[in-house]
PDB file of N, CA and C in Angstrom:
ATOM      1  N   MET A   1      14.891   9.082   1.380  1.00  0.00           N
ATOM      2  CA  MET A   1      13.444   8.983   1.318  1.00  0.00           C
ATOM      3  C   MET A   1      12.963   8.215   2.556  1.00  0.00           C
ATOM      4  N   ASN A   2      11.985   8.780   3.238  1.00  0.00           N
ATOM      5  CA  ASN A   2      11.465   8.099   4.420  1.00  0.00           C
ATOM      6  C   ASN A   2      10.431   7.037   3.998  1.00  0.00           C
ATOM      7  N   ASP A   3       9.998   6.231   4.958  1.00  0.00           N
ATOM      8  CA  ASP A   3       9.068   5.126   4.674  1.00  0.00           C
ATOM      9  C   ASP A   3       7.768   5.628   4.058  1.00  0.00           C
ATOM     10  N   HIS A   4       7.247   6.711   4.590  1.00  0.00           N
ATOM     11  CA  HIS A   4       5.976   7.258   4.110  1.00  0.00           C
ATOM     12  C   HIS A   4       6.108   7.651   2.640  1.00  0.00           C
ATOM     13  N   ASP A   5       7.192   8.320   2.297  1.00  0.00           N
ATOM     14  CA  ASP A   5       7.415   8.725   0.906  1.00  0.00           C
ATOM     15  C   ASP A   5       7.611   7.510  -0.005  1.00  0.00           C
ATOM     16  N   ALA A   6       8.296   6.481   0.491  1.00  0.00           N
ATOM     17  CA  ALA A   6       8.517   5.271  -0.302  1.00  0.00           C
ATOM     18  C   ALA A   6       7.184   4.582  -0.598  1.00  0.00           C
ATOM     19  N   VAL A   7       6.313   4.528   0.377  1.00  0.00           N
ATOM     20  CA  VAL A   7       4.989   3.926   0.182  1.00  0.00           C
ATOM     21  C   VAL A   7       4.193   4.754  -0.815  1.00  0.00           C
ATOM     22  N   ARG A   8       4.224   6.066  -0.641  1.00  0.00           N
ATOM     23  CA  ARG A   8       3.483   6.952  -1.545  1.00  0.00           C
ATOM     24  C   ARG A   8       3.967   6.769  -2.992  1.00  0.00           C
ATOM     25  N   GLU A   9       5.260   6.662  -3.165  1.00  0.00           N
ATOM     26  CA  GLU A   9       5.816   6.465  -4.505  1.00  0.00           C
ATOM     27  C   GLU A   9       5.381   5.111  -5.085  1.00  0.00           C
ATOM     28  N   PHE A  10       5.420   4.062  -4.257  1.00  0.00           N
ATOM     29  CA  PHE A  10       5.021   2.738  -4.738  1.00  0.00           C
ATOM     30  C   PHE A  10       3.545   2.721  -5.125  1.00  0.00           C
ATOM     31  N   VAL A  11       2.700   3.302  -4.287  1.00  0.00           N
ATOM     32  CA  VAL A  11       1.266   3.363  -4.601  1.00  0.00           C
ATOM     33  C   VAL A  11       1.056   4.145  -5.898  1.00  0.00           C
ATOM     34  N   GLY A  12       1.767   5.257  -6.040  1.00  0.00           N
ATOM     35  CA  GLY A  12       1.660   6.040  -7.266  1.00  0.00           C
ATOM     36  C   GLY A  12       2.045   5.227  -8.494  1.00  0.00           C
ATOM     37  N   SER A  13       3.073   4.404  -8.356  1.00  0.00           N
ATOM     38  CA  SER A  13       3.498   3.578  -9.496  1.00  0.00           C
ATOM     39  C   SER A  13       2.434   2.532  -9.837  1.00  0.00           C
ATOM     40  N   LEU A  14       1.794   1.960  -8.823  1.00  0.00           N
ATOM     41  CA  LEU A  14       0.712   1.003  -9.077  1.00  0.00           C
ATOM     42  C   LEU A  14      -0.435   1.681  -9.827  1.00  0.00           C
ATOM     43  N   LEU A  15      -0.795   2.873  -9.388  1.00  0.00           N
ATOM     44  CA  LEU A  15      -1.891   3.595 -10.035  1.00  0.00           C
ATOM     45  C   LEU A  15      -1.532   3.973 -11.471  1.00  0.00           C
ATOM     46  N   ARG A  16      -0.329   4.469 -11.685  1.00  0.00           N
ATOM     47  CA  ARG A  16       0.086   4.875 -13.031  1.00  0.00           C
ATOM     48  C   ARG A  16       0.089   3.697 -14.000  1.00  0.00           C
ATOM     49  N   ARG A  17       0.510   2.525 -13.527  1.00  0.00           N
ATOM     50  CA  ARG A  17       0.500   1.336 -14.387  1.00  0.00           C
ATOM     51  C   ARG A  17      -0.902   0.978 -14.835  1.00  0.00           C
ATOM     52  N   LYS A  18      -1.884   1.356 -14.036  1.00  0.00           N
ATOM     53  CA  LYS A  18      -3.278   1.089 -14.372  1.00  0.00           C
ATOM     54  C   LYS A  18      -3.864   2.217 -15.226  1.00  0.00           C
ATOM     55  N   GLY A  19      -3.046   3.245 -15.507  1.00  0.00           N
ATOM     56  CA  GLY A  19      -3.528   4.391 -16.268  1.00  0.00           C
ATOM     57  C   GLY A  19      -4.229   5.423 -15.417  1.00  0.00           C
ATOM     58  N   ASP A  20      -4.181   5.270 -14.106  1.00  0.00           N
ATOM     59  CA  ASP A  20      -4.829   6.195 -13.175  1.00  0.00           C
ATOM     60  C   ASP A  20      -3.822   7.279 -12.806  1.00  0.00           C
ATOM     61  N   THR A  21      -3.986   8.442 -13.410  1.00  0.00           N
ATOM     62  CA  THR A  21      -3.080   9.559 -13.122  1.00  0.00           C
ATOM     63  C   THR A  21      -3.751  10.621 -12.258  1.00  0.00           C
ATOM     64  N   ASN A  22      -4.919  10.294 -11.728  1.00  0.00           N
ATOM     65  CA  ASN A  22      -5.615  11.232 -10.846  1.00  0.00           C
ATOM     66  C   ASN A  22      -4.838  11.389  -9.547  1.00  0.00           C
ATOM     67  N   PRO A  23      -4.869  12.577  -8.978  1.00  0.00           N
ATOM     68  CA  PRO A  23      -4.156  12.786  -7.710  1.00  0.00           C
ATOM     69  C   PRO A  23      -4.794  11.964  -6.589  1.00  0.00           C
ATOM     70  N   PHE A  24      -3.997  11.707  -5.567  1.00  0.00           N
ATOM     71  CA  PHE A  24      -4.512  11.020  -4.383  1.00  0.00           C
ATOM     72  C   PHE A  24      -3.828  11.603  -3.153  1.00  0.00           C
ATOM     73  N   THR A  25      -4.553  11.574  -2.044  1.00  0.00           N
ATOM     74  CA  THR A  25      -3.981  12.037  -0.785  1.00  0.00           C
ATOM     75  C   THR A  25      -3.570  10.817   0.027  1.00  0.00           C
ATOM     76  N   ASP A  26      -2.869  11.065   1.104  1.00  0.00           N
ATOM     77  CA  ASP A  26      -2.398   9.973   1.953  1.00  0.00           C
ATOM     78  C   ASP A  26      -3.529   9.282   2.701  1.00  0.00           C
ATOM     79  N   THR A  27      -4.706   9.911   2.749  1.00  0.00           N
ATOM     80  CA  THR A  27      -5.834   9.308   3.461  1.00  0.00           C
ATOM     81  C   THR A  27      -6.882   8.715   2.524  1.00  0.00           C
ATOM     82  N   ASP A  28      -6.711   8.898   1.215  1.00  0.00           N
ATOM     83  CA  ASP A  28      -7.692   8.375   0.255  1.00  0.00           C
ATOM     84  C   ASP A  28      -7.761   6.852   0.301  1.00  0.00           C
ATOM     85  N   SER A  29      -8.986   6.340   0.255  1.00  0.00           N
ATOM     86  CA  SER A  29      -9.194   4.898   0.120  1.00  0.00           C
ATOM     87  C   SER A  29      -8.768   4.493  -1.287  1.00  0.00           C
ATOM     88  N   LEU A  30      -7.914   3.505  -1.362  1.00  0.00           N
ATOM     89  CA  LEU A  30      -7.420   3.058  -2.659  1.00  0.00           C
ATOM     90  C   LEU A  30      -7.975   1.692  -3.050  1.00  0.00           C
ATOM     91  N   VAL A  31      -8.117   0.810  -2.086  1.00  0.00           N
ATOM     92  CA  VAL A  31      -8.615  -0.547  -2.353  1.00  0.00           C
ATOM     93  C   VAL A  31     -10.139  -0.562  -2.298  1.00  0.00           C
ATOM     94  N   LEU A  32     -10.693  -0.097  -1.209  1.00  0.00           N
ATOM     95  CA  LEU A  32     -12.143  -0.136  -1.043  1.00  0.00           C
ATOM     96  C   LEU A  32     -12.855   0.736  -2.065  1.00  0.00           C
ATOM     97  N   SER A  33     -12.178   1.769  -2.569  1.00  0.00           N
ATOM     98  CA  SER A  33     -12.765   2.633  -3.591  1.00  0.00           C
ATOM     99  C   SER A  33     -12.655   2.021  -4.983  1.00  0.00           C
ATOM    100  N   GLY A  34     -11.829   0.975  -5.131  1.00  0.00           N
ATOM    101  CA  GLY A  34     -11.670   0.315  -6.415  1.00  0.00           C
ATOM    102  C   GLY A  34     -10.511   0.825  -7.261  1.00  0.00           C
ATOM    103  N   ARG A  35      -9.765   1.801  -6.757  1.00  0.00           N
ATOM    104  CA  ARG A  35      -8.628   2.302  -7.543  1.00  0.00           C
ATOM    105  C   ARG A  35      -7.525   1.253  -7.630  1.00  0.00           C
ATOM    106  N   LEU A  36      -7.370   0.462  -6.586  1.00  0.00           N
ATOM    107  CA  LEU A  36      -6.439  -0.666  -6.600  1.00  0.00           C
ATOM    108  C   LEU A  36      -7.247  -1.942  -6.412  1.00  0.00           C
ATOM    109  N   ASP A  37      -6.834  -3.018  -7.087  1.00  0.00           N
ATOM    110  CA  ASP A  37      -7.562  -4.283  -6.985  1.00  0.00           C
ATOM    111  C   ASP A  37      -6.746  -5.317  -6.206  1.00  0.00           C
ATOM    112  N   SER A  38      -7.246  -6.533  -6.169  1.00  0.00           N
ATOM    113  CA  SER A  38      -6.609  -7.572  -5.357  1.00  0.00           C
ATOM    114  C   SER A  38      -5.198  -7.908  -5.845  1.00  0.00           C
ATOM    115  N   LEU A  39      -4.952  -7.819  -7.136  1.00  0.00           N
ATOM    116  CA  LEU A  39      -3.596  -8.059  -7.638  1.00  0.00           C
ATOM    117  C   LEU A  39      -2.648  -6.957  -7.171  1.00  0.00           C
ATOM    118  N   ASP A  40      -3.149  -5.737  -7.111  1.00  0.00           N
ATOM    119  CA  ASP A  40      -2.346  -4.627  -6.599  1.00  0.00           C
ATOM    120  C   ASP A  40      -2.051  -4.824  -5.113  1.00  0.00           C
ATOM    121  N   VAL A  41      -3.033  -5.331  -4.376  1.00  0.00           N
ATOM    122  CA  VAL A  41      -2.827  -5.616  -2.951  1.00  0.00           C
ATOM    123  C   VAL A  41      -1.730  -6.661  -2.797  1.00  0.00           C
ATOM    124  N   LEU A  42      -1.750  -7.681  -3.642  1.00  0.00           N
ATOM    125  CA  LEU A  42      -0.708  -8.705  -3.594  1.00  0.00           C
ATOM    126  C   LEU A  42       0.661  -8.082  -3.864  1.00  0.00           C
ATOM    127  N   GLU A  43       0.747  -7.194  -4.837  1.00  0.00           N
ATOM    128  CA  GLU A  43       2.012  -6.513  -5.112  1.00  0.00           C
ATOM    129  C   GLU A  43       2.454  -5.673  -3.919  1.00  0.00           C
ATOM    130  N   MET A  44       1.487  -5.044  -3.244  1.00  0.00           N
ATOM    131  CA  MET A  44       1.812  -4.249  -2.054  1.00  0.00           C
ATOM    132  C   MET A  44       2.361  -5.154  -0.958  1.00  0.00           C
ATOM    133  N   VAL A  45       1.764  -6.319  -0.777  1.00  0.00           N
ATOM    134  CA  VAL A  45       2.236  -7.273   0.233  1.00  0.00           C
ATOM    135  C   VAL A  45       3.671  -7.699  -0.086  1.00  0.00           C
ATOM    136  N   VAL A  46       3.949  -8.019  -1.330  1.00  0.00           N
ATOM    137  CA  VAL A  46       5.305  -8.411  -1.736  1.00  0.00           C
ATOM    138  C   VAL A  46       6.277  -7.264  -1.486  1.00  0.00           C
ATOM    139  N   PHE A  47       5.874  -6.040  -1.832  1.00  0.00           N
ATOM    140  CA  PHE A  47       6.697  -4.852  -1.584  1.00  0.00           C
ATOM    141  C   PHE A  47       7.029  -4.731  -0.093  1.00  0.00           C
ATOM    142  N   LEU A  48       6.022  -4.863   0.755  1.00  0.00           N
ATOM    143  CA  LEU A  48       6.232  -4.737   2.202  1.00  0.00           C
ATOM    144  C   LEU A  48       7.109  -5.867   2.737  1.00  0.00           C
ATOM    145  N   GLU A  49       6.924  -7.065   2.222  1.00  0.00           N
ATOM    146  CA  GLU A  49       7.749  -8.190   2.666  1.00  0.00           C
ATOM    147  C   GLU A  49       9.210  -7.987   2.277  1.00  0.00           C
ATOM    148  N   LYS A  50       9.444  -7.498   1.064  1.00  0.00           N
ATOM    149  CA  LYS A  50      10.826  -7.292   0.608  1.00  0.00           C
ATOM    150  C   LYS A  50      11.473  -6.075   1.254  1.00  0.00           C
ATOM    151  N   GLN A  51      10.765  -4.959   1.264  1.00  0.00           N
ATOM    152  CA  GLN A  51      11.342  -3.705   1.759  1.00  0.00           C
ATOM    153  C   GLN A  51      11.459  -3.648   3.277  1.00  0.00           C
ATOM    154  N   TYR A  52      10.497  -4.239   3.958  1.00  0.00           N
ATOM    155  CA  TYR A  52      10.412  -4.066   5.413  1.00  0.00           C
ATOM    156  C   TYR A  52      10.425  -5.387   6.182  1.00  0.00           C
ATOM    157  N   SER A  53      10.750  -6.475   5.513  1.00  0.00           N
ATOM    158  CA  SER A  53      10.869  -7.794   6.137  1.00  0.00           C
ATOM    159  C   SER A  53       9.607  -8.224   6.872  1.00  0.00           C
ATOM    160  N   PHE A  54       8.454  -7.836   6.337  1.00  0.00           N
ATOM    161  CA  PHE A  54       7.193  -8.277   6.923  1.00  0.00           C
ATOM    162  C   PHE A  54       6.993  -9.741   6.603  1.00  0.00           C
ATOM    163  N   ASP A  55       6.359 -10.451   7.514  1.00  0.00           N
ATOM    164  CA  ASP A  55       5.947 -11.824   7.256  1.00  0.00           C
ATOM    165  C   ASP A  55       4.455 -11.887   7.535  1.00  0.00           C
ATOM    166  N   PHE A  56       3.660 -11.744   6.491  1.00  0.00           N
ATOM    167  CA  PHE A  56       2.213 -11.731   6.678  1.00  0.00           C
ATOM    168  C   PHE A  56       1.676 -13.110   7.032  1.00  0.00           C
ATOM    169  N   GLY A  57       2.503 -14.140   6.959  1.00  0.00           N
ATOM    170  CA  GLY A  57       2.090 -15.459   7.402  1.00  0.00           C
ATOM    171  C   GLY A  57       1.975 -15.541   8.914  1.00  0.00           C
ATOM    172  N   ASP A  58       2.618 -14.601   9.607  1.00  0.00           N
ATOM    173  CA  ASP A  58       2.627 -14.585  11.066  1.00  0.00           C
ATOM    174  C   ASP A  58       1.605 -13.638  11.670  1.00  0.00           C
ATOM    175  N   ARG A  59       0.828 -12.981  10.840  1.00  0.00           N
ATOM    176  CA  ARG A  59      -0.128 -12.006  11.372  1.00  0.00           C
ATOM    177  C   ARG A  59      -1.413 -12.053  10.552  1.00  0.00           C
ATOM    178  N   PRO A  60      -2.508 -11.691  11.172  1.00  0.00           N
ATOM    179  CA  PRO A  60      -3.751 -11.633  10.404  1.00  0.00           C
ATOM    180  C   PRO A  60      -3.653 -10.523   9.360  1.00  0.00           C
ATOM    181  N   PHE A  61      -4.316 -10.727   8.238  1.00  0.00           N
ATOM    182  CA  PHE A  61      -4.263  -9.724   7.176  1.00  0.00           C
ATOM    183  C   PHE A  61      -5.658  -9.386   6.706  1.00  0.00           C
ATOM    184  N   ASP A  62      -5.887  -8.113   6.535  1.00  0.00           N
ATOM    185  CA  ASP A  62      -7.128  -7.589   5.984  1.00  0.00           C
ATOM    186  C   ASP A  62      -6.710  -6.518   4.990  1.00  0.00           C
ATOM    187  N   GLN A  63      -7.280  -6.531   3.787  1.00  0.00           N
ATOM    188  CA  GLN A  63      -6.828  -5.571   2.792  1.00  0.00           C
ATOM    189  C   GLN A  63      -7.088  -4.129   3.200  1.00  0.00           C
ATOM    190  N   GLN A  64      -7.926  -3.906   4.197  1.00  0.00           N
ATOM    191  CA  GLN A  64      -8.124  -2.548   4.701  1.00  0.00           C
ATOM    192  C   GLN A  64      -6.829  -2.018   5.335  1.00  0.00           C
ATOM    193  N   MET A  65      -5.940  -2.924   5.741  1.00  0.00           N
ATOM    194  CA  MET A  65      -4.653  -2.520   6.327  1.00  0.00           C
ATOM    195  C   MET A  65      -3.780  -1.796   5.300  1.00  0.00           C
ATOM    196  N   VAL A  66      -4.066  -1.982   4.021  1.00  0.00           N
ATOM    197  CA  VAL A  66      -3.291  -1.346   2.953  1.00  0.00           C
ATOM    198  C   VAL A  66      -4.205  -0.505   2.064  1.00  0.00           C
ATOM    199  N   ASP A  67      -5.241   0.078   2.648  1.00  0.00           N
ATOM    200  CA  ASP A  67      -6.224   0.829   1.879  1.00  0.00           C
ATOM    201  C   ASP A  67      -5.798   2.261   1.598  1.00  0.00           C
ATOM    202  N   SER A  68      -4.880   2.800   2.361  1.00  0.00           N
ATOM    203  CA  SER A  68      -4.415   4.167   2.123  1.00  0.00           C
ATOM    204  C   SER A  68      -2.923   4.242   2.433  1.00  0.00           C
ATOM    205  N   VAL A  69      -2.303   5.277   1.940  1.00  0.00           N
ATOM    206  CA  VAL A  69      -0.876   5.483   2.210  1.00  0.00           C
ATOM    207  C   VAL A  69      -0.652   5.591   3.716  1.00  0.00           C
ATOM    208  N   ASP A  70      -1.499   6.336   4.416  1.00  0.00           N
ATOM    209  CA  ASP A  70      -1.342   6.482   5.867  1.00  0.00           C
ATOM    210  C   ASP A  70      -1.477   5.148   6.594  1.00  0.00           C
ATOM    211  N   GLU A  71      -2.434   4.312   6.187  1.00  0.00           N
ATOM    212  CA  GLU A  71      -2.612   3.017   6.850  1.00  0.00           C
ATOM    213  C   GLU A  71      -1.408   2.105   6.602  1.00  0.00           C
ATOM    214  N   ILE A  72      -0.849   2.160   5.417  1.00  0.00           N
ATOM    215  CA  ILE A  72       0.337   1.357   5.123  1.00  0.00           C
ATOM    216  C   ILE A  72       1.516   1.859   5.944  1.00  0.00           C
ATOM    217  N   ALA A  73       1.689   3.171   6.024  1.00  0.00           N
ATOM    218  CA  ALA A  73       2.775   3.755   6.813  1.00  0.00           C
ATOM    219  C   ALA A  73       2.623   3.398   8.297  1.00  0.00           C
ATOM    220  N   ASP A  74       1.374   3.401   8.795  1.00  0.00           N
ATOM    221  CA  ASP A  74       1.115   3.004  10.184  1.00  0.00           C
ATOM    222  C   ASP A  74       1.484   1.534  10.393  1.00  0.00           C
ATOM    223  N   LEU A  75       1.190   0.699   9.413  1.00  0.00           N
ATOM    224  CA  LEU A  75       1.514  -0.721   9.490  1.00  0.00           C
ATOM    225  C   LEU A  75       3.027  -0.901   9.595  1.00  0.00           C
ATOM    226  N   ILE A  76       3.775  -0.140   8.813  1.00  0.00           N
ATOM    227  CA  ILE A  76       5.242  -0.221   8.834  1.00  0.00           C
ATOM    228  C   ILE A  76       5.774   0.239  10.181  1.00  0.00           C
ATOM    229  N   ALA A  77       5.175   1.286  10.726  1.00  0.00           N
ATOM    230  CA  ALA A  77       5.670   1.859  11.986  1.00  0.00           C
ATOM    231  C   ALA A  77       5.277   1.047  13.217  1.00  0.00           C
ATOM    232  N   ALA A  78       4.271   0.185  13.076  1.00  0.00           N
ATOM    233  CA  ALA A  78       3.814  -0.607  14.229  1.00  0.00           C
ATOM    234  C   ALA A  78       4.891  -1.612  14.642  1.00  0.00           C
ATOM    235  N   PRO A  79       5.001  -1.837  15.941  1.00  0.00           N
ATOM    236  CA  PRO A  79       6.009  -2.803  16.421  1.00  0.00           C
ATOM    237  C   PRO A  79       5.693  -4.220  16.004  1.00  0.00           C
TER     238      PRO A  79
END
């Protein structure tokens, strides 16, 4: 499974836990649209820190950085 698919699966699991079984695309707004909340963003941050060794203490963070599957995948791919 590539990084993009792993992110998509994780986002899907967050949505399903909330009872949201509606489809989503890789470009759909998830946070700003209200489908994911601040606790979900925190879980996403923990996921990224564990899976990809991110240290968000060393970089500025804006929840828009994790608003869509594509934006999260871009964050992972960035140097």
